[in-house]
PDB file of N, CA and C in Angstrom:
ATOM      1  N   MET A   1      11.737  54.709 -31.015  1.00  0.00           N
ATOM      2  CA  MET A   1      10.465  54.354 -31.615  1.00  0.00           C
ATOM      3  C   MET A   1      10.309  52.835 -31.578  1.00  0.00           C
ATOM      4  N   ILE A   2       9.145  52.391 -31.180  1.00  0.00           N
ATOM      5  CA  ILE A   2       8.859  50.961 -31.100  1.00  0.00           C
ATOM      6  C   ILE A   2       8.269  50.499 -32.427  1.00  0.00           C
ATOM      7  N   THR A   3       8.832  49.439 -32.988  1.00  0.00           N
ATOM      8  CA  THR A   3       8.318  48.910 -34.238  1.00  0.00           C
ATOM      9  C   THR A   3       7.052  48.097 -33.978  1.00  0.00           C
ATOM     10  N   LYS A   4       6.341  47.799 -35.053  1.00  0.00           N
ATOM     11  CA  LYS A   4       5.097  47.025 -34.950  1.00  0.00           C
ATOM     12  C   LYS A   4       5.378  45.639 -34.378  1.00  0.00           C
ATOM     13  N   SER A   5       6.469  45.042 -34.770  1.00  0.00           N
ATOM     14  CA  SER A   5       6.837  43.721 -34.271  1.00  0.00           C
ATOM     15  C   SER A   5       7.142  43.753 -32.776  1.00  0.00           C
ATOM     16  N   GLN A   6       7.881  44.772 -32.350  1.00  0.00           N
ATOM     17  CA  GLN A   6       8.194  44.912 -30.926  1.00  0.00           C
ATOM     18  C   GLN A   6       6.933  45.167 -30.116  1.00  0.00           C
ATOM     19  N   ARG A   7       6.022  45.988 -30.658  1.00  0.00           N
ATOM     20  CA  ARG A   7       4.766  46.273 -29.977  1.00  0.00           C
ATOM     21  C   ARG A   7       3.946  44.998 -29.798  1.00  0.00           C
ATOM     22  N   ASN A   8       3.870  44.178 -30.837  1.00  0.00           N
ATOM     23  CA  ASN A   8       3.118  42.930 -30.751  1.00  0.00           C
ATOM     24  C   ASN A   8       3.757  41.969 -29.748  1.00  0.00           C
ATOM     25  N   THR A   9       5.068  41.918 -29.724  1.00  0.00           N
ATOM     26  CA  THR A   9       5.760  41.065 -28.766  1.00  0.00           C
ATOM     27  C   THR A   9       5.444  41.491 -27.339  1.00  0.00           C
ATOM     28  N   ILE A  10       5.547  42.776 -27.076  1.00  0.00           N
ATOM     29  CA  ILE A  10       5.241  43.297 -25.743  1.00  0.00           C
ATOM     30  C   ILE A  10       3.785  43.051 -25.397  1.00  0.00           C
ATOM     31  N   LEU A  11       2.907  43.275 -26.365  1.00  0.00           N
ATOM     32  CA  LEU A  11       1.471  43.131 -26.145  1.00  0.00           C
ATOM     33  C   LEU A  11       1.102  41.705 -25.742  1.00  0.00           C
ATOM     34  N   PHE A  12       1.788  40.713 -26.288  1.00  0.00           N
ATOM     35  CA  PHE A  12       1.464  39.332 -25.954  1.00  0.00           C
ATOM     36  C   PHE A  12       2.329  38.762 -24.829  1.00  0.00           C
ATOM     37  N   LEU A  13       3.398  39.454 -24.448  1.00  0.00           N
ATOM     38  CA  LEU A  13       4.174  39.038 -23.278  1.00  0.00           C
ATOM     39  C   LEU A  13       3.494  39.446 -21.973  1.00  0.00           C
ATOM     40  N   ILE A  14       2.714  40.514 -22.011  1.00  0.00           N
ATOM     41  CA  ILE A  14       2.018  40.978 -20.805  1.00  0.00           C
ATOM     42  C   ILE A  14       1.057  39.921 -20.269  1.00  0.00           C
ATOM     43  N   PRO A  15       0.174  39.317 -21.091  1.00  0.00           N
ATOM     44  CA  PRO A  15      -0.694  38.262 -20.548  1.00  0.00           C
ATOM     45  C   PRO A  15       0.092  37.053 -20.030  1.00  0.00           C
ATOM     46  N   ALA A  16       1.176  36.701 -20.710  1.00  0.00           N
ATOM     47  CA  ALA A  16       1.991  35.578 -20.246  1.00  0.00           C
ATOM     48  C   ALA A  16       2.600  35.885 -18.878  1.00  0.00           C
ATOM     49  N   ALA A  17       3.062  37.113 -18.698  1.00  0.00           N
ATOM     50  CA  ALA A  17       3.633  37.513 -17.408  1.00  0.00           C
ATOM     51  C   ALA A  17       2.563  37.521 -16.321  1.00  0.00           C
ATOM     52  N   LEU A  18       1.373  38.008 -16.645  1.00  0.00           N
ATOM     53  CA  LEU A  18       0.285  38.033 -15.662  1.00  0.00           C
ATOM     54  C   LEU A  18      -0.140  36.621 -15.258  1.00  0.00           C
ATOM     55  N   LEU A  19      -0.160  35.702 -16.202  1.00  0.00           N
ATOM     56  CA  LEU A  19      -0.528  34.321 -15.883  1.00  0.00           C
ATOM     57  C   LEU A  19       0.574  33.596 -15.110  1.00  0.00           C
ATOM     58  N   SER A  20       1.804  34.065 -15.233  1.00  0.00           N
ATOM     59  CA  SER A  20       2.885  33.408 -14.499  1.00  0.00           C
ATOM     60  C   SER A  20       2.865  33.770 -13.007  1.00  0.00           C
ATOM     61  N   ILE A  21       2.220  34.878 -12.655  1.00  0.00           N
ATOM     62  CA  ILE A  21       2.175  35.298 -11.251  1.00  0.00           C
ATOM     63  C   ILE A  21       1.483  34.249 -10.371  1.00  0.00           C
ATOM     64  N   PRO A  22       0.250  33.812 -10.698  1.00  0.00           N
ATOM     65  CA  PRO A  22      -0.355  32.778  -9.847  1.00  0.00           C
ATOM     66  C   PRO A  22       0.373  31.438  -9.950  1.00  0.00           C
ATOM     67  N   LEU A  23       0.961  31.150 -11.102  1.00  0.00           N
ATOM     68  CA  LEU A  23       1.711  29.900 -11.250  1.00  0.00           C
ATOM     69  C   LEU A  23       2.895  29.870 -10.294  1.00  0.00           C
ATOM     70  N   ILE A  24       3.607  30.972 -10.200  1.00  0.00           N
ATOM     71  CA  ILE A  24       4.744  31.056  -9.272  1.00  0.00           C
ATOM     72  C   ILE A  24       4.254  31.078  -7.827  1.00  0.00           C
ATOM     73  N   ALA A  25       3.173  31.819  -7.572  1.00  0.00           N
ATOM     74  CA  ALA A  25       2.647  31.911  -6.206  1.00  0.00           C
ATOM     75  C   ALA A  25       2.183  30.555  -5.690  1.00  0.00           C
ATOM     76  N   MET A  26       1.688  29.714  -6.566  1.00  0.00           N
ATOM     77  CA  MET A  26       1.239  28.375  -6.157  1.00  0.00           C
ATOM     78  C   MET A  26       2.396  27.525  -5.648  1.00  0.00           C
ATOM     79  N   GLN A  27       3.608  27.842  -6.051  1.00  0.00           N
ATOM     80  CA  GLN A  27       4.772  27.079  -5.618  1.00  0.00           C
ATOM     81  C   GLN A  27       5.178  27.415  -4.186  1.00  0.00           C
ATOM     82  N   PHE A  28       4.740  28.595  -3.699  1.00  0.00           N
ATOM     83  CA  PHE A  28       5.187  29.067  -2.394  1.00  0.00           C
ATOM     84  C   PHE A  28       4.102  29.112  -1.323  1.00  0.00           C
ATOM     85  N   THR A  29       2.824  29.073  -1.723  1.00  0.00           N
ATOM     86  CA  THR A  29       1.762  29.178  -0.731  1.00  0.00           C
ATOM     87  C   THR A  29       0.571  28.308  -1.137  1.00  0.00           C
ATOM     88  N   LYS A  30      -0.160  27.879  -0.150  1.00  0.00           N
ATOM     89  CA  LYS A  30      -1.367  27.085  -0.404  1.00  0.00           C
ATOM     90  C   LYS A  30      -2.588  27.985  -0.618  1.00  0.00           C
ATOM     91  N   GLU A  31      -2.446  29.279  -0.371  1.00  0.00           N
ATOM     92  CA  GLU A  31      -3.564  30.196  -0.507  1.00  0.00           C
ATOM     93  C   GLU A  31      -3.929  30.463  -1.964  1.00  0.00           C
ATOM     94  N   VAL A  32      -2.993  30.291  -2.860  1.00  0.00           N
ATOM     95  CA  VAL A  32      -3.266  30.417  -4.293  1.00  0.00           C
ATOM     96  C   VAL A  32      -3.428  29.009  -4.833  1.00  0.00           C
ATOM     97  N   ASN A  33      -4.625  28.703  -5.308  1.00  0.00           N
ATOM     98  CA  ASN A  33      -4.918  27.353  -5.762  1.00  0.00           C
ATOM     99  C   ASN A  33      -5.701  27.418  -7.065  1.00  0.00           C
ATOM    100  N   TRP A  34      -5.001  27.603  -8.175  1.00  0.00           N
ATOM    101  CA  TRP A  34      -5.638  27.666  -9.479  1.00  0.00           C
ATOM    102  C   TRP A  34      -5.615  26.281 -10.111  1.00  0.00           C
ATOM    103  N   SER A  35      -6.710  25.924 -10.758  1.00  0.00           N
ATOM    104  CA  SER A  35      -6.758  24.671 -11.511  1.00  0.00           C
ATOM    105  C   SER A  35      -6.396  24.968 -12.970  1.00  0.00           C
ATOM    106  N   LEU A  36      -6.306  23.917 -13.754  1.00  0.00           N
ATOM    107  CA  LEU A  36      -6.001  24.087 -15.173  1.00  0.00           C
ATOM    108  C   LEU A  36      -7.065  24.939 -15.848  1.00  0.00           C
ATOM    109  N   SER A  37      -8.324  24.736 -15.476  1.00  0.00           N
ATOM    110  CA  SER A  37      -9.402  25.522 -16.093  1.00  0.00           C
ATOM    111  C   SER A  37      -9.277  27.008 -15.755  1.00  0.00           C
ATOM    112  N   ASP A  38      -8.790  27.334 -14.568  1.00  0.00           N
ATOM    113  CA  ASP A  38      -8.565  28.738 -14.213  1.00  0.00           C
ATOM    114  C   ASP A  38      -7.532  29.369 -15.144  1.00  0.00           C
ATOM    115  N   PHE A  39      -6.450  28.641 -15.414  1.00  0.00           N
ATOM    116  CA  PHE A  39      -5.420  29.154 -16.309  1.00  0.00           C
ATOM    117  C   PHE A  39      -5.930  29.266 -17.740  1.00  0.00           C
ATOM    118  N   VAL A  40      -6.742  28.307 -18.165  1.00  0.00           N
ATOM    119  CA  VAL A  40      -7.291  28.342 -19.529  1.00  0.00           C
ATOM    120  C   VAL A  40      -8.220  29.539 -19.688  1.00  0.00           C
ATOM    121  N   ILE A  41      -9.132  29.730 -18.737  1.00  0.00           N
ATOM    122  CA  ILE A  41     -10.068  30.852 -18.810  1.00  0.00           C
ATOM    123  C   ILE A  41      -9.316  32.177 -18.711  1.00  0.00           C
ATOM    124  N   GLY A  42      -8.350  32.263 -17.798  1.00  0.00           N
ATOM    125  CA  GLY A  42      -7.538  33.474 -17.690  1.00  0.00           C
ATOM    126  C   GLY A  42      -6.778  33.750 -18.974  1.00  0.00           C
ATOM    127  N   GLY A  43      -6.222  32.702 -19.573  1.00  0.00           N
ATOM    128  CA  GLY A  43      -5.494  32.861 -20.833  1.00  0.00           C
ATOM    129  C   GLY A  43      -6.391  33.332 -21.959  1.00  0.00           C
ATOM    130  N   ILE A  44      -7.587  32.764 -22.037  1.00  0.00           N
ATOM    131  CA  ILE A  44      -8.535  33.192 -23.073  1.00  0.00           C
ATOM    132  C   ILE A  44      -8.884  34.663 -22.889  1.00  0.00           C
ATOM    133  N   LEU A  45      -9.164  35.054 -21.648  1.00  0.00           N
ATOM    134  CA  LEU A  45      -9.503  36.460 -21.390  1.00  0.00           C
ATOM    135  C   LEU A  45      -8.342  37.390 -21.694  1.00  0.00           C
ATOM    136  N   LEU A  46      -7.159  37.070 -21.191  1.00  0.00           N
ATOM    137  CA  LEU A  46      -6.015  37.966 -21.348  1.00  0.00           C
ATOM    138  C   LEU A  46      -5.487  38.009 -22.784  1.00  0.00           C
ATOM    139  N   PHE A  47      -5.333  36.845 -23.407  1.00  0.00           N
ATOM    140  CA  PHE A  47      -4.830  36.844 -24.783  1.00  0.00           C
ATOM    141  C   PHE A  47      -5.894  37.355 -25.755  1.00  0.00           C
ATOM    142  N   GLY A  48      -7.174  37.120 -25.446  1.00  0.00           N
ATOM    143  CA  GLY A  48      -8.254  37.688 -26.258  1.00  0.00           C
ATOM    144  C   GLY A  48      -8.254  39.202 -26.191  1.00  0.00           C
ATOM    145  N   THR A  49      -8.020  39.727 -25.006  1.00  0.00           N
ATOM    146  CA  THR A  49      -7.927  41.179 -24.842  1.00  0.00           C
ATOM    147  C   THR A  49      -6.714  41.726 -25.588  1.00  0.00           C
ATOM    148  N   ALA A  50      -5.582  41.040 -25.494  1.00  0.00           N
ATOM    149  CA  ALA A  50      -4.380  41.484 -26.210  1.00  0.00           C
ATOM    150  C   ALA A  50      -4.620  41.479 -27.721  1.00  0.00           C
ATOM    151  N   LEU A  51      -5.297  40.467 -28.215  1.00  0.00           N
ATOM    152  CA  LEU A  51      -5.605  40.402 -29.639  1.00  0.00           C
ATOM    153  C   LEU A  51      -6.552  41.535 -30.042  1.00  0.00           C
ATOM    154  N   THR A  52      -7.542  41.809 -29.204  1.00  0.00           N
ATOM    155  CA  THR A  52      -8.468  42.905 -29.485  1.00  0.00           C
ATOM    156  C   THR A  52      -7.738  44.242 -29.515  1.00  0.00           C
ATOM    157  N   VAL A  53      -6.841  44.463 -28.572  1.00  0.00           N
ATOM    158  CA  VAL A  53      -6.057  45.707 -28.547  1.00  0.00           C
ATOM    159  C   VAL A  53      -5.173  45.793 -29.797  1.00  0.00           C
ATOM    160  N   LYS A  54      -4.592  44.682 -30.189  1.00  0.00           N
ATOM    161  CA  LYS A  54      -3.765  44.659 -31.409  1.00  0.00           C
ATOM    162  C   LYS A  54      -4.594  45.063 -32.629  1.00  0.00           C
ATOM    163  N   LEU A  55      -5.798  44.504 -32.737  1.00  0.00           N
ATOM    164  CA  LEU A  55      -6.669  44.838 -33.868  1.00  0.00           C
ATOM    165  C   LEU A  55      -7.097  46.306 -33.831  1.00  0.00           C
ATOM    166  N   ILE A  56      -7.377  46.822 -32.644  1.00  0.00           N
ATOM    167  CA  ILE A  56      -7.740  48.237 -32.516  1.00  0.00           C
ATOM    168  C   ILE A  56      -6.583  49.117 -32.974  1.00  0.00           C
ATOM    169  N   LEU A  57      -5.372  48.777 -32.556  1.00  0.00           N
ATOM    170  CA  LEU A  57      -4.207  49.578 -32.942  1.00  0.00           C
ATOM    171  C   LEU A  57      -3.944  49.526 -34.446  1.00  0.00           C
ATOM    172  N   GLU A  58      -4.293  48.421 -35.081  1.00  0.00           N
ATOM    173  CA  GLU A  58      -4.072  48.298 -36.527  1.00  0.00           C
ATOM    174  C   GLU A  58      -5.161  48.970 -37.346  1.00  0.00           C
ATOM    175  N   LYS A  59      -6.409  48.904 -36.886  1.00  0.00           N
ATOM    176  CA  LYS A  59      -7.536  49.370 -37.701  1.00  0.00           C
ATOM    177  C   LYS A  59      -7.867  50.846 -37.526  1.00  0.00           C
ATOM    178  N   PHE A  60      -7.600  51.403 -36.349  1.00  0.00           N
ATOM    179  CA  PHE A  60      -7.961  52.792 -36.091  1.00  0.00           C
ATOM    180  C   PHE A  60      -6.704  53.648 -36.086  1.00  0.00           C
ATOM    181  N   LYS A  61      -6.790  54.789 -36.741  1.00  0.00           N
ATOM    182  CA  LYS A  61      -5.601  55.628 -36.920  1.00  0.00           C
ATOM    183  C   LYS A  61      -5.521  56.781 -35.927  1.00  0.00           C
ATOM    184  N   THR A  62      -6.663  57.296 -35.476  1.00  0.00           N
ATOM    185  CA  THR A  62      -6.599  58.446 -34.571  1.00  0.00           C
ATOM    186  C   THR A  62      -6.353  57.985 -33.139  1.00  0.00           C
ATOM    187  N   THR A  63      -5.567  58.753 -32.440  1.00  0.00           N
ATOM    188  CA  THR A  63      -5.219  58.417 -31.057  1.00  0.00           C
ATOM    189  C   THR A  63      -6.452  58.408 -30.167  1.00  0.00           C
ATOM    190  N   LYS A  64      -7.361  59.342 -30.389  1.00  0.00           N
ATOM    191  CA  LYS A  64      -8.564  59.436 -29.569  1.00  0.00           C
ATOM    192  C   LYS A  64      -9.422  58.176 -29.690  1.00  0.00           C
ATOM    193  N   SER A  65      -9.657  57.721 -30.900  1.00  0.00           N
ATOM    194  CA  SER A  65     -10.481  56.518 -31.081  1.00  0.00           C
ATOM    195  C   SER A  65      -9.779  55.286 -30.524  1.00  0.00           C
ATOM    196  N   ARG A  66      -8.472  55.214 -30.683  1.00  0.00           N
ATOM    197  CA  ARG A  66      -7.708  54.098 -30.123  1.00  0.00           C
ATOM    198  C   ARG A  66      -7.845  54.055 -28.607  1.00  0.00           C
ATOM    199  N   LEU A  67      -7.647  55.210 -27.953  1.00  0.00           N
ATOM    200  CA  LEU A  67      -7.720  55.265 -26.493  1.00  0.00           C
ATOM    201  C   LEU A  67      -9.111  54.897 -25.977  1.00  0.00           C
ATOM    202  N   ILE A  68     -10.136  55.426 -26.612  1.00  0.00           N
ATOM    203  CA  ILE A  68     -11.504  55.139 -26.178  1.00  0.00           C
ATOM    204  C   ILE A  68     -11.805  53.652 -26.306  1.00  0.00           C
ATOM    205  N   LEU A  69     -11.480  53.064 -27.435  1.00  0.00           N
ATOM    206  CA  LEU A  69     -11.786  51.648 -27.657  1.00  0.00           C
ATOM    207  C   LEU A  69     -10.941  50.733 -26.761  1.00  0.00           C
ATOM    208  N   ILE A  70      -9.692  51.086 -26.536  1.00  0.00           N
ATOM    209  CA  ILE A  70      -8.851  50.274 -25.648  1.00  0.00           C
ATOM    210  C   ILE A  70      -9.345  50.375 -24.214  1.00  0.00           C
ATOM    211  N   MET A  71      -9.769  51.561 -23.786  1.00  0.00           N
ATOM    212  CA  MET A  71     -10.316  51.714 -22.429  1.00  0.00           C
ATOM    213  C   MET A  71     -11.595  50.900 -22.255  1.00  0.00           C
ATOM    214  N   ILE A  72     -12.453  50.898 -23.258  1.00  0.00           N
ATOM    215  CA  ILE A  72     -13.679  50.093 -23.194  1.00  0.00           C
ATOM    216  C   ILE A  72     -13.328  48.613 -23.124  1.00  0.00           C
ATOM    217  N   THR A  73     -12.370  48.177 -23.933  1.00  0.00           N
ATOM    218  CA  THR A  73     -11.932  46.783 -23.932  1.00  0.00           C
ATOM    219  C   THR A  73     -11.379  46.383 -22.566  1.00  0.00           C
ATOM    220  N   LEU A  74     -10.546  47.229 -21.973  1.00  0.00           N
ATOM    221  CA  LEU A  74      -9.979  46.931 -20.653  1.00  0.00           C
ATOM    222  C   LEU A  74     -11.055  46.940 -19.566  1.00  0.00           C
ATOM    223  N   ALA A  75     -12.030  47.841 -19.676  1.00  0.00           N
ATOM    224  CA  ALA A  75     -13.127  47.876 -18.700  1.00  0.00           C
ATOM    225  C   ALA A  75     -13.933  46.582 -18.755  1.00  0.00           C
ATOM    226  N   VAL A  76     -14.211  46.108 -19.958  1.00  0.00           N
ATOM    227  CA  VAL A  76     -14.938  44.841 -20.106  1.00  0.00           C
ATOM    228  C   VAL A  76     -14.119  43.694 -19.529  1.00  0.00           C
ATOM    229  N   LEU A  77     -12.818  43.666 -19.796  1.00  0.00           N
ATOM    230  CA  LEU A  77     -11.950  42.633 -19.234  1.00  0.00           C
ATOM    231  C   LEU A  77     -12.021  42.642 -17.714  1.00  0.00           C
ATOM    232  N   PHE A  78     -11.876  43.809 -17.099  1.00  0.00           N
ATOM    233  CA  PHE A  78     -11.879  43.894 -15.634  1.00  0.00           C
ATOM    234  C   PHE A  78     -13.229  43.491 -15.045  1.00  0.00           C
ATOM    235  N   LEU A  79     -14.324  43.875 -15.692  1.00  0.00           N
ATOM    236  CA  LEU A  79     -15.642  43.503 -15.184  1.00  0.00           C
ATOM    237  C   LEU A  79     -15.878  41.997 -15.280  1.00  0.00           C
ATOM    238  N   VAL A  80     -15.498  41.394 -16.399  1.00  0.00           N
ATOM    239  CA  VAL A  80     -15.655  39.941 -16.549  1.00  0.00           C
ATOM    240  C   VAL A  80     -14.755  39.218 -15.558  1.00  0.00           C
ATOM    241  N   TRP A  81     -13.512  39.674 -15.409  1.00  0.00           N
ATOM    242  CA  TRP A  81     -12.571  39.040 -14.480  1.00  0.00           C
ATOM    243  C   TRP A  81     -13.106  39.122 -13.048  1.00  0.00           C
ATOM    244  N   ALA A  82     -13.600  40.299 -12.653  1.00  0.00           N
ATOM    245  CA  ALA A  82     -14.136  40.469 -11.301  1.00  0.00           C
ATOM    246  C   ALA A  82     -15.369  39.597 -11.087  1.00  0.00           C
ATOM    247  N   GLU A  83     -16.209  39.495 -12.090  1.00  0.00           N
ATOM    248  CA  GLU A  83     -17.397  38.653 -11.966  1.00  0.00           C
ATOM    249  C   GLU A  83     -17.006  37.185 -11.805  1.00  0.00           C
ATOM    250  N   LEU A  84     -16.044  36.743 -12.571  1.00  0.00           N
ATOM    251  CA  LEU A  84     -15.597  35.350 -12.449  1.00  0.00           C
ATOM    252  C   LEU A  84     -14.880  35.103 -11.127  1.00  0.00           C
ATOM    253  N   ALA A  85     -14.149  36.099 -10.638  1.00  0.00           N
ATOM    254  CA  ALA A  85     -13.361  35.924  -9.411  1.00  0.00           C
ATOM    255  C   ALA A  85     -14.228  35.929  -8.166  1.00  0.00           C
ATOM    256  N   VAL A  86     -15.094  36.920  -8.035  1.00  0.00           N
ATOM    257  CA  VAL A  86     -15.851  37.065  -6.785  1.00  0.00           C
ATOM    258  C   VAL A  86     -17.344  37.217  -6.982  1.00  0.00           C
ATOM    259  N   GLY A  87     -17.820  37.259  -8.210  1.00  0.00           N
ATOM    260  CA  GLY A  87     -19.254  37.368  -8.461  1.00  0.00           C
ATOM    261  C   GLY A  87     -19.854  38.682  -7.996  1.00  0.00           C
ATOM    262  N   ILE A  88     -19.279  39.804  -8.423  1.00  0.00           N
ATOM    263  CA  ILE A  88     -19.746  41.099  -7.958  1.00  0.00           C
ATOM    264  C   ILE A  88     -21.177  41.409  -8.389  1.00  0.00           C
ATOM    265  N   PHE A  89     -21.639  40.806  -9.470  1.00  0.00           N
ATOM    266  CA  PHE A  89     -23.001  41.031  -9.932  1.00  0.00           C
ATOM    267  C   PHE A  89     -23.945  39.906  -9.530  1.00  0.00           C
ATOM    268  N   GLY A  90     -23.400  38.796  -9.064  1.00  0.00           N
ATOM    269  CA  GLY A  90     -24.218  37.663  -8.650  1.00  0.00           C
ATOM    270  C   GLY A  90     -24.900  36.947  -9.791  1.00  0.00           C
ATOM    271  N   SER A  91     -24.295  36.933 -10.946  1.00  0.00           N
ATOM    272  CA  SER A  91     -24.892  36.283 -12.106  1.00  0.00           C
ATOM    273  C   SER A  91     -24.561  34.781 -12.133  1.00  0.00           C
ATOM    274  N   PRO A  92     -25.363  34.001 -12.836  1.00  0.00           N
ATOM    275  CA  PRO A  92     -25.042  32.580 -12.979  1.00  0.00           C
ATOM    276  C   PRO A  92     -23.724  32.356 -13.722  1.00  0.00           C
ATOM    277  N   PHE A  93     -23.290  33.373 -14.455  1.00  0.00           N
ATOM    278  CA  PHE A  93     -22.019  33.335 -15.182  1.00  0.00           C
ATOM    279  C   PHE A  93     -20.850  33.073 -14.247  1.00  0.00           C
ATOM    280  N   ALA A  94     -20.961  33.567 -13.011  1.00  0.00           N
ATOM    281  CA  ALA A  94     -19.887  33.406 -12.027  1.00  0.00           C
ATOM    282  C   ALA A  94     -20.002  32.124 -11.238  1.00  0.00           C
ATOM    283  N   GLY A  95     -21.054  31.369 -11.475  1.00  0.00           N
ATOM    284  CA  GLY A  95     -21.196  30.099 -10.788  1.00  0.00           C
ATOM    285  C   GLY A  95     -22.032  30.176  -9.527  1.00  0.00           C
ATOM    286  N   SER A  96     -22.692  31.306  -9.290  1.00  0.00           N
ATOM    287  CA  SER A  96     -23.534  31.423  -8.094  1.00  0.00           C
ATOM    288  C   SER A  96     -24.983  31.121  -8.407  1.00  0.00           C
TER     289      SER A  96
END
């Protein structure tokens, strides 16, 4: 059984691990070129999502409501990330 403390640790280590991937890749190739602002925005998105998932897990007791809300949260994260990365919707939000 995973304790609440262990769950929170894992929940916040995942965004750190995801952000370390481009940081490490930048050391080996010129094709990955993230600026400080890219890491800041990525960190805000990923750690904000982790915090939202943490709050959902604390406030909602039924598994069904937890799963639905976490799936919605992850869908929003992926849509915002994709829009910022490649501008799939062509909004001014993505810089186009």
